[in-house]
Amino acid sequence: MATTKPGERKLQILQTLASMLEQPKSEKITTAALAAKLDVSEAALYRHFASKAQMFEGLIEFIEATVFGLINQITEKQENGLAQVQAITGMLLNFAERNPGMTRVIIGDALVNEDERLQARMNQFVERIELALKQALRVAVSQGQANEAEVATRAGMITSLVVGRWHRFAKTGFKQNPSDGAQAQIGLMLV
């Protein structure tokens, strides 16, 4: 049997958990099912993670680092505030399409019956997205493209649209792509 480098097994566990979450009609994921999928014992899982909640935290850390890293790249490269909003929104929807299992974590489906703090963390994730959209809209205000009085309302509407599209993607068994027609809708919210 090939030996794995430190950290590789941990990553393998998280990747397998994410792939199990991609099954549209998946049942609650147990550590026994995850261990069986990896062909290891449950004890082997617990050598890398103290609990299943800690495994989900690993997925959440990946989601947060990826999404907010991409938001930072967008705001650094794009000076136009409205273009920032469009790019951030497009990235959020494309992230879901490319990572259906992660989408179930983001919307909380995968966190039902798990530690409450995990859902609280995902709620905070959505709040941070709305804050990033507000910041981009404030850039648009400084460029004369938007009205300051509407920043919070527009950011809230766009966040709701994104979250709604994530939900629909997961609830349709990943058949209804979140990005389909979204840019036109967001464009209407920015007029």
C-alpha atoms as a PDB file:
ATOM      1  CA  MET A   1       0.000   0.000   0.000  1.00  0.00           C
ATOM      2  CA  ALA A   2       1.355   3.414  -0.939  1.00  0.00           C
ATOM      3  CA  THR A   3       1.989   5.783   1.899  1.00  0.00           C
ATOM      4  CA  THR A   4       0.462   9.230   1.805  1.00  0.00           C
ATOM      5  CA  LYS A   5       2.274  12.391   2.754  1.00  0.00           C
ATOM      6  CA  PRO A   6       1.047  14.368   5.770  1.00  0.00           C
ATOM      7  CA  GLY A   7      -1.986  16.394   4.778  1.00  0.00           C
ATOM      8  CA  GLU A   8      -2.705  14.304   1.671  1.00  0.00           C
ATOM      9  CA  ARG A   9      -5.068  11.945   3.497  1.00  0.00           C
ATOM     10  CA  LYS A  10      -6.850  14.911   5.068  1.00  0.00           C
ATOM     11  CA  LEU A  11      -7.340  16.456   1.612  1.00  0.00           C
ATOM     12  CA  GLN A  12      -8.478  13.095   0.247  1.00  0.00           C
ATOM     13  CA  ILE A  13     -11.093  12.846   3.016  1.00  0.00           C
ATOM     14  CA  LEU A  14     -12.414  16.342   2.228  1.00  0.00           C
ATOM     15  CA  GLN A  15     -12.495  15.653  -1.529  1.00  0.00           C
ATOM     16  CA  THR A  16     -14.393  12.410  -0.956  1.00  0.00           C
ATOM     17  CA  LEU A  17     -16.852  14.145   1.369  1.00  0.00           C
ATOM     18  CA  ALA A  18     -17.412  16.846  -1.270  1.00  0.00           C
ATOM     19  CA  SER A  19     -17.960  14.238  -3.994  1.00  0.00           C
ATOM     20  CA  MET A  20     -20.472  12.388  -1.792  1.00  0.00           C
ATOM     21  CA  LEU A  21     -22.357  15.672  -1.375  1.00  0.00           C
ATOM     22  CA  GLU A  22     -22.659  15.918  -5.171  1.00  0.00           C
ATOM     23  CA  GLN A  23     -25.188  13.100  -5.200  1.00  0.00           C
ATOM     24  CA  PRO A  24     -28.511  14.946  -5.643  1.00  0.00           C
ATOM     25  CA  LYS A  25     -30.547  12.469  -3.611  1.00  0.00           C
ATOM     26  CA  SER A  26     -27.868  11.609  -1.111  1.00  0.00           C
ATOM     27  CA  GLU A  27     -28.853  10.581   2.352  1.00  0.00           C
ATOM     28  CA  LYS A  28     -27.224  11.963   5.455  1.00  0.00           C
ATOM     29  CA  ILE A  29     -23.516  11.327   5.144  1.00  0.00           C
ATOM     30  CA  THR A  30     -22.190   9.254   8.005  1.00  0.00           C
ATOM     31  CA  THR A  31     -18.579   8.739   8.983  1.00  0.00           C
ATOM     32  CA  ALA A  32     -19.137   5.021   8.346  1.00  0.00           C
ATOM     33  CA  ALA A  33     -20.202   5.702   4.735  1.00  0.00           C
ATOM     34  CA  LEU A  34     -17.313   8.129   4.241  1.00  0.00           C
ATOM     35  CA  ALA A  35     -14.825   5.607   5.665  1.00  0.00           C
ATOM     36  CA  ALA A  36     -16.233   2.869   3.411  1.00  0.00           C
ATOM     37  CA  LYS A  37     -15.926   5.114   0.349  1.00  0.00           C
ATOM     38  CA  LEU A  38     -12.273   5.763   1.248  1.00  0.00           C
ATOM     39  CA  ASP A  39     -11.694   2.097   2.140  1.00  0.00           C
ATOM     40  CA  VAL A  40     -10.396   3.029   5.594  1.00  0.00           C
ATOM     41  CA  SER A  41     -11.690   2.574   9.122  1.00  0.00           C
ATOM     42  CA  GLU A  42     -13.680   5.233  10.927  1.00  0.00           C
ATOM     43  CA  ALA A  43     -10.781   5.425  13.372  1.00  0.00           C
ATOM     44  CA  ALA A  44      -8.550   6.447  10.454  1.00  0.00           C
ATOM     45  CA  LEU A  45     -10.888   9.367   9.742  1.00  0.00           C
ATOM     46  CA  TYR A  46     -10.697  10.464  13.352  1.00  0.00           C
ATOM     47  CA  ARG A  47      -6.905  10.516  13.219  1.00  0.00           C
ATOM     48  CA  HIS A  48      -7.247  13.460  10.836  1.00  0.00           C
ATOM     49  CA  PHE A  49     -10.435  15.101  12.112  1.00  0.00           C
ATOM     50  CA  ALA A  50     -11.746  15.126  15.670  1.00  0.00           C
ATOM     51  CA  SER A  51     -15.361  15.059  14.442  1.00  0.00           C
ATOM     52  CA  LYS A  52     -17.563  15.148  11.371  1.00  0.00           C
ATOM     53  CA  ALA A  53     -18.191  18.818  12.163  1.00  0.00           C
ATOM     54  CA  GLN A  54     -14.460  19.411  11.792  1.00  0.00           C
ATOM     55  CA  MET A  55     -14.616  17.767   8.339  1.00  0.00           C
ATOM     56  CA  PHE A  56     -17.367  20.187   7.320  1.00  0.00           C
ATOM     57  CA  GLU A  57     -15.290  23.042   8.736  1.00  0.00           C
ATOM     58  CA  GLY A  58     -12.522  21.978   6.364  1.00  0.00           C
ATOM     59  CA  LEU A  59     -14.933  22.270   3.425  1.00  0.00           C
ATOM     60  CA  ILE A  60     -16.170  25.639   4.687  1.00  0.00           C
ATOM     61  CA  GLU A  61     -12.590  26.918   4.983  1.00  0.00           C
ATOM     62  CA  PHE A  62     -11.984  25.889   1.360  1.00  0.00           C
ATOM     63  CA  ILE A  63     -15.185  27.671   0.252  1.00  0.00           C
ATOM     64  CA  GLU A  64     -14.342  30.855   2.158  1.00  0.00           C
ATOM     65  CA  ALA A  65     -10.709  30.986   1.038  1.00  0.00           C
ATOM     66  CA  THR A  66     -11.617  30.372  -2.597  1.00  0.00           C
ATOM     67  CA  VAL A  67     -14.584  32.728  -2.845  1.00  0.00           C
ATOM     68  CA  PHE A  68     -13.081  35.648  -0.932  1.00  0.00           C
ATOM     69  CA  GLY A  69      -9.723  35.182  -2.662  1.00  0.00           C
ATOM     70  CA  LEU A  70     -11.517  35.487  -6.015  1.00  0.00           C
ATOM     71  CA  ILE A  71     -13.504  38.514  -4.826  1.00  0.00           C
ATOM     72  CA  ASN A  72     -10.228  40.209  -3.854  1.00  0.00           C
ATOM     73  CA  GLN A  73      -8.760  39.438  -7.283  1.00  0.00           C
ATOM     74  CA  ILE A  74     -11.831  40.892  -8.997  1.00  0.00           C
ATOM     75  CA  THR A  75     -11.774  44.125  -6.985  1.00  0.00           C
ATOM     76  CA  GLU A  76      -8.016  44.542  -7.524  1.00  0.00           C
ATOM     77  CA  LYS A  77      -8.202  44.015 -11.304  1.00  0.00           C
ATOM     78  CA  GLN A  78     -11.510  45.737 -12.093  1.00  0.00           C
ATOM     79  CA  GLU A  79     -11.754  49.447 -11.336  1.00  0.00           C
ATOM     80  CA  ASN A  80     -15.375  49.908 -12.502  1.00  0.00           C
ATOM     81  CA  GLY A  81     -17.742  49.334  -9.570  1.00  0.00           C
ATOM     82  CA  LEU A  82     -20.666  47.983 -11.597  1.00  0.00           C
ATOM     83  CA  ALA A  83     -18.325  45.653 -13.467  1.00  0.00           C
ATOM     84  CA  GLN A  84     -17.066  44.433 -10.078  1.00  0.00           C
ATOM     85  CA  VAL A  85     -20.633  43.584  -9.065  1.00  0.00           C
ATOM     86  CA  GLN A  86     -21.233  41.697 -12.329  1.00  0.00           C
ATOM     87  CA  ALA A  87     -17.929  39.814 -12.030  1.00  0.00           C
ATOM     88  CA  ILE A  88     -18.427  38.909  -8.353  1.00  0.00           C
ATOM     89  CA  THR A  89     -21.946  37.676  -9.038  1.00  0.00           C
ATOM     90  CA  GLY A  90     -20.844  35.654 -12.053  1.00  0.00           C
ATOM     91  CA  MET A  91     -18.020  34.095 -10.037  1.00  0.00           C
ATOM     92  CA  LEU A  92     -20.375  33.129  -7.193  1.00  0.00           C
ATOM     93  CA  LEU A  93     -22.772  31.404  -9.588  1.00  0.00           C
ATOM     94  CA  ASN A  94     -19.970  29.685 -11.520  1.00  0.00           C
ATOM     95  CA  PHE A  95     -18.376  28.501  -8.263  1.00  0.00           C
ATOM     96  CA  ALA A  96     -21.626  26.717  -7.437  1.00  0.00           C
ATOM     97  CA  GLU A  97     -21.818  25.113 -10.884  1.00  0.00           C
ATOM     98  CA  ARG A  98     -18.274  23.821 -10.621  1.00  0.00           C
ATOM     99  CA  ASN A  99     -18.703  22.654  -7.021  1.00  0.00           C
ATOM    100  CA  PRO A 100     -22.191  21.191  -6.573  1.00  0.00           C
ATOM    101  CA  GLY A 101     -21.281  19.421  -3.321  1.00  0.00           C
ATOM    102  CA  MET A 102     -19.984  22.684  -1.889  1.00  0.00           C
ATOM    103  CA  THR A 103     -23.245  24.347  -2.913  1.00  0.00           C
ATOM    104  CA  ARG A 104     -25.094  21.972  -0.581  1.00  0.00           C
ATOM    105  CA  VAL A 105     -22.796  23.155   2.220  1.00  0.00           C
ATOM    106  CA  ILE A 106     -23.268  26.840   1.331  1.00  0.00           C
ATOM    107  CA  ILE A 107     -27.069  26.649   1.388  1.00  0.00           C
ATOM    108  CA  GLY A 108     -27.065  24.497   4.526  1.00  0.00           C
ATOM    109  CA  ASP A 109     -28.585  21.321   3.046  1.00  0.00           C
ATOM    110  CA  ALA A 110     -25.526  19.303   4.019  1.00  0.00           C
ATOM    111  CA  LEU A 111     -25.452  20.874   7.478  1.00  0.00           C
ATOM    112  CA  VAL A 112     -28.894  19.744   8.645  1.00  0.00           C
ATOM    113  CA  ASN A 113     -28.494  17.776  11.891  1.00  0.00           C
ATOM    114  CA  GLU A 114     -24.872  18.934  12.194  1.00  0.00           C
ATOM    115  CA  ASP A 115     -23.399  21.374  14.709  1.00  0.00           C
ATOM    116  CA  GLU A 116     -25.354  24.682  14.680  1.00  0.00           C
ATOM    117  CA  ARG A 117     -22.150  26.709  14.473  1.00  0.00           C
ATOM    118  CA  LEU A 118     -21.569  25.382  10.951  1.00  0.00           C
ATOM    119  CA  GLN A 119     -24.825  26.909   9.703  1.00  0.00           C
ATOM    120  CA  ALA A 120     -24.036  30.116  11.594  1.00  0.00           C
ATOM    121  CA  ARG A 121     -20.707  30.244   9.773  1.00  0.00           C
ATOM    122  CA  MET A 122     -22.407  29.825   6.388  1.00  0.00           C
ATOM    123  CA  ASN A 123     -24.869  32.586   7.318  1.00  0.00           C
ATOM    124  CA  GLN A 124     -21.877  34.813   8.055  1.00  0.00           C
ATOM    125  CA  PHE A 125     -20.386  33.792   4.680  1.00  0.00           C
ATOM    126  CA  VAL A 126     -23.499  35.133   2.911  1.00  0.00           C
ATOM    127  CA  GLU A 127     -23.335  38.346   4.981  1.00  0.00           C
ATOM    128  CA  ARG A 128     -19.709  38.821   3.895  1.00  0.00           C
ATOM    129  CA  ILE A 129     -20.728  38.368   0.256  1.00  0.00           C
ATOM    130  CA  GLU A 130     -23.387  41.058   0.658  1.00  0.00           C
ATOM    131  CA  LEU A 131     -20.774  43.330   2.246  1.00  0.00           C
ATOM    132  CA  ALA A 132     -18.441  42.772  -0.732  1.00  0.00           C
ATOM    133  CA  LEU A 133     -21.279  43.700  -3.090  1.00  0.00           C
ATOM    134  CA  LYS A 134     -21.966  46.853  -1.049  1.00  0.00           C
ATOM    135  CA  GLN A 135     -18.312  47.818  -1.314  1.00  0.00           C
ATOM    136  CA  ALA A 136     -18.368  47.349  -5.099  1.00  0.00           C
ATOM    137  CA  LEU A 137     -21.565  49.401  -5.320  1.00  0.00           C
ATOM    138  CA  ARG A 138     -19.943  52.162  -3.248  1.00  0.00           C
ATOM    139  CA  VAL A 139     -17.129  52.237  -5.804  1.00  0.00           C
ATOM    140  CA  ALA A 140     -19.854  52.670  -8.442  1.00  0.00           C
ATOM    141  CA  VAL A 141     -21.322  55.541  -6.386  1.00  0.00           C
ATOM    142  CA  SER A 142     -17.912  57.257  -6.311  1.00  0.00           C
ATOM    143  CA  GLN A 143     -17.798  56.862 -10.103  1.00  0.00           C
ATOM    144  CA  GLY A 144     -21.241  58.419 -10.527  1.00  0.00           C
ATOM    145  CA  GLN A 145     -22.817  55.114 -11.656  1.00  0.00           C
ATOM    146  CA  ALA A 146     -25.049  54.437  -8.663  1.00  0.00           C
ATOM    147  CA  ASN A 147     -27.010  56.193  -5.927  1.00  0.00           C
ATOM    148  CA  GLU A 148     -25.679  55.895  -2.354  1.00  0.00           C
ATOM    149  CA  ALA A 149     -29.205  55.592  -0.963  1.00  0.00           C
ATOM    150  CA  GLU A 150     -29.741  52.391  -2.987  1.00  0.00           C
ATOM    151  CA  VAL A 151     -26.469  50.588  -2.186  1.00  0.00           C
ATOM    152  CA  ALA A 152     -27.813  48.418   0.661  1.00  0.00           C
ATOM    153  CA  THR A 153     -31.058  47.614  -1.178  1.00  0.00           C
ATOM    154  CA  ARG A 154     -29.305  46.616  -4.406  1.00  0.00           C
ATOM    155  CA  ALA A 155     -26.694  44.531  -2.574  1.00  0.00           C
ATOM    156  CA  GLY A 156     -29.471  42.757  -0.666  1.00  0.00           C
ATOM    157  CA  MET A 157     -31.440  42.045  -3.854  1.00  0.00           C
ATOM    158  CA  ILE A 158     -28.403  40.688  -5.677  1.00  0.00           C
ATOM    159  CA  THR A 159     -27.397  38.544  -2.693  1.00  0.00           C
ATOM    160  CA  SER A 160     -30.932  37.142  -2.537  1.00  0.00           C
ATOM    161  CA  LEU A 161     -30.832  36.382  -6.254  1.00  0.00           C
ATOM    162  CA  VAL A 162     -27.523  34.516  -5.883  1.00  0.00           C
ATOM    163  CA  VAL A 163     -28.704  32.543  -2.837  1.00  0.00           C
ATOM    164  CA  GLY A 164     -31.977  31.720  -4.592  1.00  0.00           C
ATOM    165  CA  ARG A 165     -30.128  30.440  -7.649  1.00  0.00           C
ATOM    166  CA  TRP A 166     -27.852  28.321  -5.434  1.00  0.00           C
ATOM    167  CA  HIS A 167     -30.963  26.819  -3.799  1.00  0.00           C
ATOM    168  CA  ARG A 168     -32.646  26.116  -7.115  1.00  0.00           C
ATOM    169  CA  PHE A 169     -29.451  24.470  -8.414  1.00  0.00           C
ATOM    170  CA  ALA A 170     -29.316  22.111  -5.424  1.00  0.00           C
ATOM    171  CA  LYS A 171     -33.084  21.473  -5.291  1.00  0.00           C
ATOM    172  CA  THR A 172     -33.224  20.531  -8.994  1.00  0.00           C
ATOM    173  CA  GLY A 173     -30.554  17.887  -8.498  1.00  0.00           C
ATOM    174  CA  PHE A 174     -27.959  20.216 -10.055  1.00  0.00           C
ATOM    175  CA  LYS A 175     -29.871  20.447 -13.342  1.00  0.00           C
ATOM    176  CA  GLN A 176     -30.838  24.157 -13.287  1.00  0.00           C
ATOM    177  CA  ASN A 177     -27.517  25.962 -13.710  1.00  0.00           C
ATOM    178  CA  PRO A 178     -27.344  29.023 -11.468  1.00  0.00           C
ATOM    179  CA  SER A 179     -25.694  31.217 -14.107  1.00  0.00           C
ATOM    180  CA  ASP A 180     -28.325  30.658 -16.828  1.00  0.00           C
ATOM    181  CA  GLY A 181     -29.798  34.095 -17.570  1.00  0.00           C
ATOM    182  CA  ALA A 182     -28.437  35.584 -14.349  1.00  0.00           C
ATOM    183  CA  GLN A 183     -26.370  38.403 -15.829  1.00  0.00           C
ATOM    184  CA  ALA A 184     -29.440  39.895 -17.528  1.00  0.00           C
ATOM    185  CA  GLN A 185     -31.338  39.824 -14.224  1.00  0.00           C
ATOM    186  CA  ILE A 186     -28.450  41.388 -12.329  1.00  0.00           C
ATOM    187  CA  GLY A 187     -28.098  43.992 -15.059  1.00  0.00           C
ATOM    188  CA  LEU A 188     -31.714  45.029 -14.416  1.00  0.00           C
ATOM    189  CA  MET A 189     -30.924  45.416 -10.706  1.00  0.00           C
ATOM    190  CA  LEU A 190     -28.058  47.761 -11.521  1.00  0.00           C
ATOM    191  CA  VAL A 191     -29.964  50.148 -13.820  1.00  0.00           C
END
